[in-house]
Amino acid sequence: MKHASLLKFGGIASIAVGALYLLVGLTHFLLPRAQLRGAGGITTAFFESLAQGSSIFMLHYWLVVALSLLTFAVIAAFFSLLREHRTGLLCWATTMGFFGAALTAIDFAWFAVEAPRLARLYMSAAEASRPLLLMVGVPHIDPCFFSYGLAGVFALTVSSAALRHRLLPRALGTIGVVGGVMLLLVFAGALTHSPLLIDFAVGLGGLVVGPLWYIWTGFVLRNKGRAEEMAQL
């Protein structure tokens, strides 16, 4: 029964994550270019833009926090789904998935609170103090989106395993592999300061691959959980 409950709850969470992915992708492209800290970093334009308006910025970041917290249930459901095929690699990748989701939630929550506050401080500071504030920037835990790389490793590993053991439809497993690559591209784009790479990964991953994979996966997990319950009656 615990297995069925994990699958059902994970399925519901996965559908919610898919819907949130769409909103995250949309708000990413609604943000002013200066507020996209992943590729450009913290600049004078970042603080100036954020001081002028931070509503979309705050919405975007808190959506990612909610999405990340719900992802815990999806990861747990996959670990339960693959319970008869667990290997050292799968356990390691699952741990990376949990750590990546936690790191994303903490980093985005912290940044959502601190960045607008420091932007206001920067704008009210004396001209001589601004270079120092700019050099310090916004302290945050994950400056190069390493958490997205960890999530990509998890998605690639579990999708490959689910495909190999025929636990998911082939098309769904393939989409999961593509989604893992998109997550790794976000990390690569932040690491190399490439806004075009991040836009491509967020556009394809956040607006197409992510929502499709999570929502479809959600229905598959929920149906498998219901089938498990019926089998135990």
C-alpha atoms as a PDB file:
ATOM      1  CA  MET A   1       0.000   0.000   0.000  1.00  0.00           C
ATOM      2  CA  LYS A   2       2.882   2.374   0.715  1.00  0.00           C
ATOM      3  CA  HIS A   3       4.140   1.824  -2.831  1.00  0.00           C
ATOM      4  CA  ALA A   4       0.722   2.626  -4.311  1.00  0.00           C
ATOM      5  CA  SER A   5       0.403   5.737  -2.150  1.00  0.00           C
ATOM      6  CA  LEU A   6       3.827   7.007  -3.257  1.00  0.00           C
ATOM      7  CA  LEU A   7       2.931   6.506  -6.896  1.00  0.00           C
ATOM      8  CA  LYS A   8      -0.444   8.228  -6.605  1.00  0.00           C
ATOM      9  CA  PHE A   9       0.818  11.217  -4.631  1.00  0.00           C
ATOM     10  CA  GLY A  10       3.867  11.504  -6.855  1.00  0.00           C
ATOM     11  CA  GLY A  11       1.590  11.470  -9.893  1.00  0.00           C
ATOM     12  CA  ILE A  12      -0.537  14.330  -8.573  1.00  0.00           C
ATOM     13  CA  ALA A  13       2.604  16.287  -7.675  1.00  0.00           C
ATOM     14  CA  SER A  14       4.042  15.640 -11.141  1.00  0.00           C
ATOM     15  CA  ILE A  15       0.960  17.106 -12.848  1.00  0.00           C
ATOM     16  CA  ALA A  16       1.256  20.192 -10.630  1.00  0.00           C
ATOM     17  CA  VAL A  17       4.967  20.507 -11.442  1.00  0.00           C
ATOM     18  CA  GLY A  18       4.166  20.351 -15.160  1.00  0.00           C
ATOM     19  CA  ALA A  19       1.691  23.234 -14.825  1.00  0.00           C
ATOM     20  CA  LEU A  20       4.230  25.249 -12.824  1.00  0.00           C
ATOM     21  CA  TYR A  21       6.902  24.593 -15.455  1.00  0.00           C
ATOM     22  CA  LEU A  22       4.716  26.369 -18.012  1.00  0.00           C
ATOM     23  CA  LEU A  23       4.379  29.388 -15.729  1.00  0.00           C
ATOM     24  CA  VAL A  24       8.117  29.438 -15.007  1.00  0.00           C
ATOM     25  CA  GLY A  25       8.911  29.318 -18.715  1.00  0.00           C
ATOM     26  CA  LEU A  26       6.459  32.120 -19.465  1.00  0.00           C
ATOM     27  CA  THR A  27       7.695  34.377 -16.649  1.00  0.00           C
ATOM     28  CA  HIS A  28      11.300  33.786 -17.739  1.00  0.00           C
ATOM     29  CA  PHE A  29      10.542  35.452 -21.070  1.00  0.00           C
ATOM     30  CA  LEU A  30       8.498  38.214 -19.392  1.00  0.00           C
ATOM     31  CA  LEU A  31      11.465  39.234 -17.246  1.00  0.00           C
ATOM     32  CA  PRO A  32      13.525  42.214 -18.430  1.00  0.00           C
ATOM     33  CA  ARG A  33      16.813  40.988 -19.902  1.00  0.00           C
ATOM     34  CA  ALA A  34      18.761  42.797 -17.191  1.00  0.00           C
ATOM     35  CA  GLN A  35      17.068  40.680 -14.502  1.00  0.00           C
ATOM     36  CA  LEU A  36      18.211  37.338 -15.952  1.00  0.00           C
ATOM     37  CA  ARG A  37      21.097  36.716 -13.571  1.00  0.00           C
ATOM     38  CA  GLY A  38      21.895  33.212 -14.903  1.00  0.00           C
ATOM     39  CA  ALA A  39      23.950  34.335 -17.881  1.00  0.00           C
ATOM     40  CA  GLY A  40      24.697  38.002 -17.327  1.00  0.00           C
ATOM     41  CA  GLY A  41      25.368  37.935 -13.598  1.00  0.00           C
ATOM     42  CA  ILE A  42      24.846  40.862 -11.233  1.00  0.00           C
ATOM     43  CA  THR A  43      25.412  44.192 -12.970  1.00  0.00           C
ATOM     44  CA  THR A  44      24.413  47.824 -12.506  1.00  0.00           C
ATOM     45  CA  ALA A  45      21.599  47.216 -15.004  1.00  0.00           C
ATOM     46  CA  PHE A  46      20.379  44.276 -12.872  1.00  0.00           C
ATOM     47  CA  PHE A  47      20.012  46.418  -9.746  1.00  0.00           C
ATOM     48  CA  GLU A  48      18.533  49.366 -11.637  1.00  0.00           C
ATOM     49  CA  SER A  49      15.972  47.198 -13.416  1.00  0.00           C
ATOM     50  CA  LEU A  50      15.004  45.355 -10.241  1.00  0.00           C
ATOM     51  CA  ALA A  51      14.607  48.598  -8.304  1.00  0.00           C
ATOM     52  CA  GLN A  52      12.169  49.829 -10.959  1.00  0.00           C
ATOM     53  CA  GLY A  53       9.956  46.754 -10.721  1.00  0.00           C
ATOM     54  CA  SER A  54      10.269  43.278  -9.211  1.00  0.00           C
ATOM     55  CA  SER A  55       6.755  41.781  -9.462  1.00  0.00           C
ATOM     56  CA  ILE A  56       7.479  39.358 -12.327  1.00  0.00           C
ATOM     57  CA  PHE A  57      10.893  38.611 -10.814  1.00  0.00           C
ATOM     58  CA  MET A  58       9.339  37.629  -7.462  1.00  0.00           C
ATOM     59  CA  LEU A  59       6.602  35.567  -9.130  1.00  0.00           C
ATOM     60  CA  HIS A  60       9.149  33.721 -11.264  1.00  0.00           C
ATOM     61  CA  TYR A  61      11.391  32.861  -8.338  1.00  0.00           C
ATOM     62  CA  TRP A  62       8.648  31.715  -5.964  1.00  0.00           C
ATOM     63  CA  LEU A  63       7.131  29.560  -8.717  1.00  0.00           C
ATOM     64  CA  VAL A  64      10.492  27.797  -8.990  1.00  0.00           C
ATOM     65  CA  VAL A  65      10.527  27.295  -5.196  1.00  0.00           C
ATOM     66  CA  ALA A  66       7.059  25.689  -5.263  1.00  0.00           C
ATOM     67  CA  LEU A  67       8.000  23.565  -8.262  1.00  0.00           C
ATOM     68  CA  SER A  68      11.173  22.340  -6.550  1.00  0.00           C
ATOM     69  CA  LEU A  69       9.394  21.353  -3.348  1.00  0.00           C
ATOM     70  CA  LEU A  70       6.787  19.344  -5.268  1.00  0.00           C
ATOM     71  CA  THR A  71       9.588  17.643  -7.213  1.00  0.00           C
ATOM     72  CA  PHE A  72      10.548  15.772  -4.023  1.00  0.00           C
ATOM     73  CA  ALA A  73       7.331  13.746  -4.344  1.00  0.00           C
ATOM     74  CA  VAL A  74       8.055  12.965  -8.008  1.00  0.00           C
ATOM     75  CA  ILE A  75      11.578  11.754  -7.199  1.00  0.00           C
ATOM     76  CA  ALA A  76      10.250   9.553  -4.378  1.00  0.00           C
ATOM     77  CA  ALA A  77       7.625   8.097  -6.723  1.00  0.00           C
ATOM     78  CA  PHE A  78      10.262   7.200  -9.315  1.00  0.00           C
ATOM     79  CA  PHE A  79      12.440   5.592  -6.667  1.00  0.00           C
ATOM     80  CA  SER A  80       9.443   3.484  -5.667  1.00  0.00           C
ATOM     81  CA  LEU A  81       8.553   2.712  -9.303  1.00  0.00           C
ATOM     82  CA  LEU A  82      12.079   1.355  -9.873  1.00  0.00           C
ATOM     83  CA  ARG A  83      12.185  -0.506  -6.548  1.00  0.00           C
ATOM     84  CA  GLU A  84      12.835  -3.897  -8.190  1.00  0.00           C
ATOM     85  CA  HIS A  85      15.602  -2.533 -10.416  1.00  0.00           C
ATOM     86  CA  ARG A  86      17.599  -0.381  -8.023  1.00  0.00           C
ATOM     87  CA  THR A  87      21.323  -0.203  -8.590  1.00  0.00           C
ATOM     88  CA  GLY A  88      24.111   1.819  -7.049  1.00  0.00           C
ATOM     89  CA  LEU A  89      23.911   4.235  -9.983  1.00  0.00           C
ATOM     90  CA  LEU A  90      20.154   4.697  -9.558  1.00  0.00           C
ATOM     91  CA  CYS A  91      20.457   5.330  -5.803  1.00  0.00           C
ATOM     92  CA  TRP A  92      23.248   7.832  -6.445  1.00  0.00           C
ATOM     93  CA  ALA A  93      21.234   9.643  -9.136  1.00  0.00           C
ATOM     94  CA  THR A  94      18.172   9.772  -6.866  1.00  0.00           C
ATOM     95  CA  THR A  95      20.269  11.343  -4.132  1.00  0.00           C
ATOM     96  CA  MET A  96      21.510  13.899  -6.676  1.00  0.00           C
ATOM     97  CA  GLY A  97      17.890  14.606  -7.624  1.00  0.00           C
ATOM     98  CA  PHE A  98      16.851  15.240  -4.018  1.00  0.00           C
ATOM     99  CA  PHE A  99      19.891  17.432  -3.409  1.00  0.00           C
ATOM    100  CA  GLY A 100      19.318  19.366  -6.644  1.00  0.00           C
ATOM    101  CA  ALA A 101      15.664  20.064  -5.797  1.00  0.00           C
ATOM    102  CA  ALA A 102      16.574  21.203  -2.285  1.00  0.00           C
ATOM    103  CA  LEU A 103      19.390  23.412  -3.560  1.00  0.00           C
ATOM    104  CA  THR A 104      17.091  25.033  -6.131  1.00  0.00           C
ATOM    105  CA  ALA A 105      14.359  25.726  -3.559  1.00  0.00           C
ATOM    106  CA  ILE A 106      16.765  27.271  -1.038  1.00  0.00           C
ATOM    107  CA  ASP A 107      18.709  29.303  -3.595  1.00  0.00           C
ATOM    108  CA  PHE A 108      15.660  30.729  -5.366  1.00  0.00           C
ATOM    109  CA  ALA A 109      13.871  31.544  -2.093  1.00  0.00           C
ATOM    110  CA  TRP A 110      16.947  33.338  -0.753  1.00  0.00           C
ATOM    111  CA  PHE A 111      17.536  35.205  -4.000  1.00  0.00           C
ATOM    112  CA  ALA A 112      13.875  36.252  -4.292  1.00  0.00           C
ATOM    113  CA  VAL A 113      14.091  37.919  -0.877  1.00  0.00           C
ATOM    114  CA  GLU A 114      17.613  39.361  -1.022  1.00  0.00           C
ATOM    115  CA  ALA A 115      17.890  40.649  -4.606  1.00  0.00           C
ATOM    116  CA  PRO A 116      15.084  43.278  -4.423  1.00  0.00           C
ATOM    117  CA  ARG A 117      16.309  44.417  -1.002  1.00  0.00           C
ATOM    118  CA  LEU A 118      19.885  44.859  -2.217  1.00  0.00           C
ATOM    119  CA  ALA A 119      18.660  46.580  -5.388  1.00  0.00           C
ATOM    120  CA  ARG A 120      16.908  49.206  -3.258  1.00  0.00           C
ATOM    121  CA  LEU A 121      20.025  49.546  -1.107  1.00  0.00           C
ATOM    122  CA  TYR A 122      22.190  49.987  -4.200  1.00  0.00           C
ATOM    123  CA  MET A 123      19.971  52.722  -5.628  1.00  0.00           C
ATOM    124  CA  SER A 124      19.910  54.641  -2.333  1.00  0.00           C
ATOM    125  CA  ALA A 125      23.668  54.295  -1.717  1.00  0.00           C
ATOM    126  CA  ALA A 126      26.204  57.013  -2.369  1.00  0.00           C
ATOM    127  CA  GLU A 127      27.900  56.891  -5.764  1.00  0.00           C
ATOM    128  CA  ALA A 128      31.231  56.009  -4.152  1.00  0.00           C
ATOM    129  CA  SER A 129      29.712  52.973  -2.388  1.00  0.00           C
ATOM    130  CA  ARG A 130      28.036  51.458  -5.440  1.00  0.00           C
ATOM    131  CA  PRO A 131      31.113  49.712  -6.904  1.00  0.00           C
ATOM    132  CA  LEU A 132      31.594  47.860  -3.616  1.00  0.00           C
ATOM    133  CA  LEU A 133      27.927  46.789  -3.508  1.00  0.00           C
ATOM    134  CA  LEU A 134      28.205  45.697  -7.120  1.00  0.00           C
ATOM    135  CA  MET A 135      31.323  43.668  -6.384  1.00  0.00           C
ATOM    136  CA  VAL A 136      29.575  41.898  -3.491  1.00  0.00           C
ATOM    137  CA  GLY A 137      26.477  41.373  -5.647  1.00  0.00           C
ATOM    138  CA  VAL A 138      23.725  39.176  -4.220  1.00  0.00           C
ATOM    139  CA  PRO A 139      25.102  36.367  -2.046  1.00  0.00           C
ATOM    140  CA  HIS A 140      23.504  33.103  -3.108  1.00  0.00           C
ATOM    141  CA  ILE A 141      24.150  29.412  -2.793  1.00  0.00           C
ATOM    142  CA  ASP A 142      24.076  28.303  -6.408  1.00  0.00           C
ATOM    143  CA  PRO A 143      25.646  30.967  -8.657  1.00  0.00           C
ATOM    144  CA  CYS A 144      25.990  28.719 -11.728  1.00  0.00           C
ATOM    145  CA  PHE A 145      22.726  26.724 -11.478  1.00  0.00           C
ATOM    146  CA  PHE A 146      24.586  23.579 -10.429  1.00  0.00           C
ATOM    147  CA  SER A 147      21.260  22.284  -9.105  1.00  0.00           C
ATOM    148  CA  TYR A 148      19.958  22.093 -12.692  1.00  0.00           C
ATOM    149  CA  GLY A 149      22.917  19.902 -13.579  1.00  0.00           C
ATOM    150  CA  LEU A 150      22.067  17.563 -10.694  1.00  0.00           C
ATOM    151  CA  ALA A 151      18.427  17.441 -11.797  1.00  0.00           C
ATOM    152  CA  GLY A 152      19.599  16.663 -15.326  1.00  0.00           C
ATOM    153  CA  VAL A 153      21.673  13.712 -14.089  1.00  0.00           C
ATOM    154  CA  PHE A 154      18.634  12.373 -12.214  1.00  0.00           C
ATOM    155  CA  ALA A 155      16.284  12.792 -15.199  1.00  0.00           C
ATOM    156  CA  LEU A 156      18.678  11.091 -17.601  1.00  0.00           C
ATOM    157  CA  THR A 157      19.338   8.170 -15.242  1.00  0.00           C
ATOM    158  CA  VAL A 158      15.763   7.371 -14.202  1.00  0.00           C
ATOM    159  CA  SER A 159      14.359   7.885 -17.704  1.00  0.00           C
ATOM    160  CA  SER A 160      16.962   5.535 -19.160  1.00  0.00           C
ATOM    161  CA  ALA A 161      16.243   2.948 -16.448  1.00  0.00           C
ATOM    162  CA  ALA A 162      12.480   3.226 -16.918  1.00  0.00           C
ATOM    163  CA  LEU A 163      12.920   2.787 -20.672  1.00  0.00           C
ATOM    164  CA  ARG A 164      15.205  -0.214 -20.232  1.00  0.00           C
ATOM    165  CA  HIS A 165      12.758  -1.991 -17.909  1.00  0.00           C
ATOM    166  CA  ARG A 166       9.658  -0.881 -19.869  1.00  0.00           C
ATOM    167  CA  LEU A 167       8.083   0.891 -16.903  1.00  0.00           C
ATOM    168  CA  LEU A 168       7.111   3.940 -18.961  1.00  0.00           C
ATOM    169  CA  PRO A 169       5.876   4.340 -22.543  1.00  0.00           C
ATOM    170  CA  ARG A 170       8.845   4.586 -24.911  1.00  0.00           C
ATOM    171  CA  ALA A 171       7.877   8.087 -26.084  1.00  0.00           C
ATOM    172  CA  LEU A 172       7.600   9.321 -22.490  1.00  0.00           C
ATOM    173  CA  GLY A 173      10.959   7.864 -21.530  1.00  0.00           C
ATOM    174  CA  THR A 174      12.567   9.476 -24.564  1.00  0.00           C
ATOM    175  CA  ILE A 175      11.076  12.856 -23.631  1.00  0.00           C
ATOM    176  CA  GLY A 176      12.564  12.377 -20.153  1.00  0.00           C
ATOM    177  CA  VAL A 177      16.016  11.877 -21.646  1.00  0.00           C
ATOM    178  CA  VAL A 178      15.616  15.056 -23.733  1.00  0.00           C
ATOM    179  CA  GLY A 179      14.456  16.899 -20.611  1.00  0.00           C
ATOM    180  CA  GLY A 180      17.582  15.788 -18.770  1.00  0.00           C
ATOM    181  CA  VAL A 181      19.704  17.217 -21.580  1.00  0.00           C
ATOM    182  CA  MET A 182      17.788  20.527 -21.395  1.00  0.00           C
ATOM    183  CA  LEU A 183      18.506  20.778 -17.663  1.00  0.00           C
ATOM    184  CA  LEU A 184      22.199  20.165 -18.292  1.00  0.00           C
ATOM    185  CA  LEU A 185      22.145  22.905 -20.949  1.00  0.00           C
ATOM    186  CA  VAL A 186      20.793  25.410 -18.409  1.00  0.00           C
ATOM    187  CA  PHE A 187      23.761  24.577 -16.171  1.00  0.00           C
ATOM    188  CA  ALA A 188      26.145  24.809 -19.132  1.00  0.00           C
ATOM    189  CA  GLY A 189      24.657  28.165 -20.190  1.00  0.00           C
ATOM    190  CA  ALA A 190      25.058  29.637 -16.715  1.00  0.00           C
ATOM    191  CA  LEU A 191      28.582  28.255 -16.415  1.00  0.00           C
ATOM    192  CA  THR A 192      29.666  29.740 -19.753  1.00  0.00           C
ATOM    193  CA  HIS A 193      27.560  32.936 -19.415  1.00  0.00           C
ATOM    194  CA  SER A 194      25.636  32.110 -22.585  1.00  0.00           C
ATOM    195  CA  PRO A 195      22.163  33.728 -22.544  1.00  0.00           C
ATOM    196  CA  LEU A 196      21.218  32.162 -25.889  1.00  0.00           C
ATOM    197  CA  LEU A 197      21.903  28.665 -24.559  1.00  0.00           C
ATOM    198  CA  ILE A 198      19.815  29.337 -21.463  1.00  0.00           C
ATOM    199  CA  ASP A 199      16.982  30.815 -23.535  1.00  0.00           C
ATOM    200  CA  PHE A 200      17.008  27.765 -25.805  1.00  0.00           C
ATOM    201  CA  ALA A 201      17.001  25.315 -22.871  1.00  0.00           C
ATOM    202  CA  VAL A 202      14.317  27.222 -20.956  1.00  0.00           C
ATOM    203  CA  GLY A 203      12.207  27.764 -24.070  1.00  0.00           C
ATOM    204  CA  LEU A 204      12.252  24.140 -25.211  1.00  0.00           C
ATOM    205  CA  GLY A 205      12.528  22.590 -21.748  1.00  0.00           C
ATOM    206  CA  GLY A 206      10.319  24.936 -19.750  1.00  0.00           C
ATOM    207  CA  LEU A 207       7.554  25.475 -22.275  1.00  0.00           C
ATOM    208  CA  VAL A 208       7.485  22.134 -24.106  1.00  0.00           C
ATOM    209  CA  VAL A 209       9.533  19.217 -22.768  1.00  0.00           C
ATOM    210  CA  GLY A 210       9.152  19.841 -19.020  1.00  0.00           C
ATOM    211  CA  PRO A 211       5.377  20.350 -18.899  1.00  0.00           C
ATOM    212  CA  LEU A 212       4.709  17.492 -21.328  1.00  0.00           C
ATOM    213  CA  TRP A 213       6.954  15.067 -19.428  1.00  0.00           C
ATOM    214  CA  TYR A 214       5.704  15.943 -15.944  1.00  0.00           C
ATOM    215  CA  ILE A 215       2.006  15.994 -16.812  1.00  0.00           C
ATOM    216  CA  TRP A 216       2.141  12.766 -18.823  1.00  0.00           C
ATOM    217  CA  THR A 217       4.299  11.138 -16.154  1.00  0.00           C
ATOM    218  CA  GLY A 218       1.819  12.270 -13.514  1.00  0.00           C
ATOM    219  CA  PHE A 219      -1.059  10.424 -15.156  1.00  0.00           C
ATOM    220  CA  VAL A 220       1.088   7.310 -15.676  1.00  0.00           C
ATOM    221  CA  LEU A 221       2.232   7.252 -12.032  1.00  0.00           C
ATOM    222  CA  ARG A 222      -1.278   7.861 -10.721  1.00  0.00           C
ATOM    223  CA  ASN A 223      -2.721   5.058 -12.865  1.00  0.00           C
ATOM    224  CA  LYS A 224       0.021   2.666 -11.747  1.00  0.00           C
ATOM    225  CA  GLY A 225      -0.750   3.547  -8.120  1.00  0.00           C
ATOM    226  CA  ARG A 226      -4.435   2.839  -8.615  1.00  0.00           C
ATOM    227  CA  ALA A 227      -3.613  -0.472 -10.307  1.00  0.00           C
ATOM    228  CA  GLU A 228      -1.425  -1.435  -7.332  1.00  0.00           C
ATOM    229  CA  GLU A 229      -4.292  -0.672  -4.941  1.00  0.00           C
ATOM    230  CA  MET A 230      -6.730  -2.757  -6.967  1.00  0.00           C
ATOM    231  CA  ALA A 231      -4.260  -5.655  -7.072  1.00  0.00           C
ATOM    232  CA  GLN A 232      -4.029  -5.664  -3.271  1.00  0.00           C
ATOM    233  CA  LEU A 233      -7.794  -5.822  -2.730  1.00  0.00           C
END
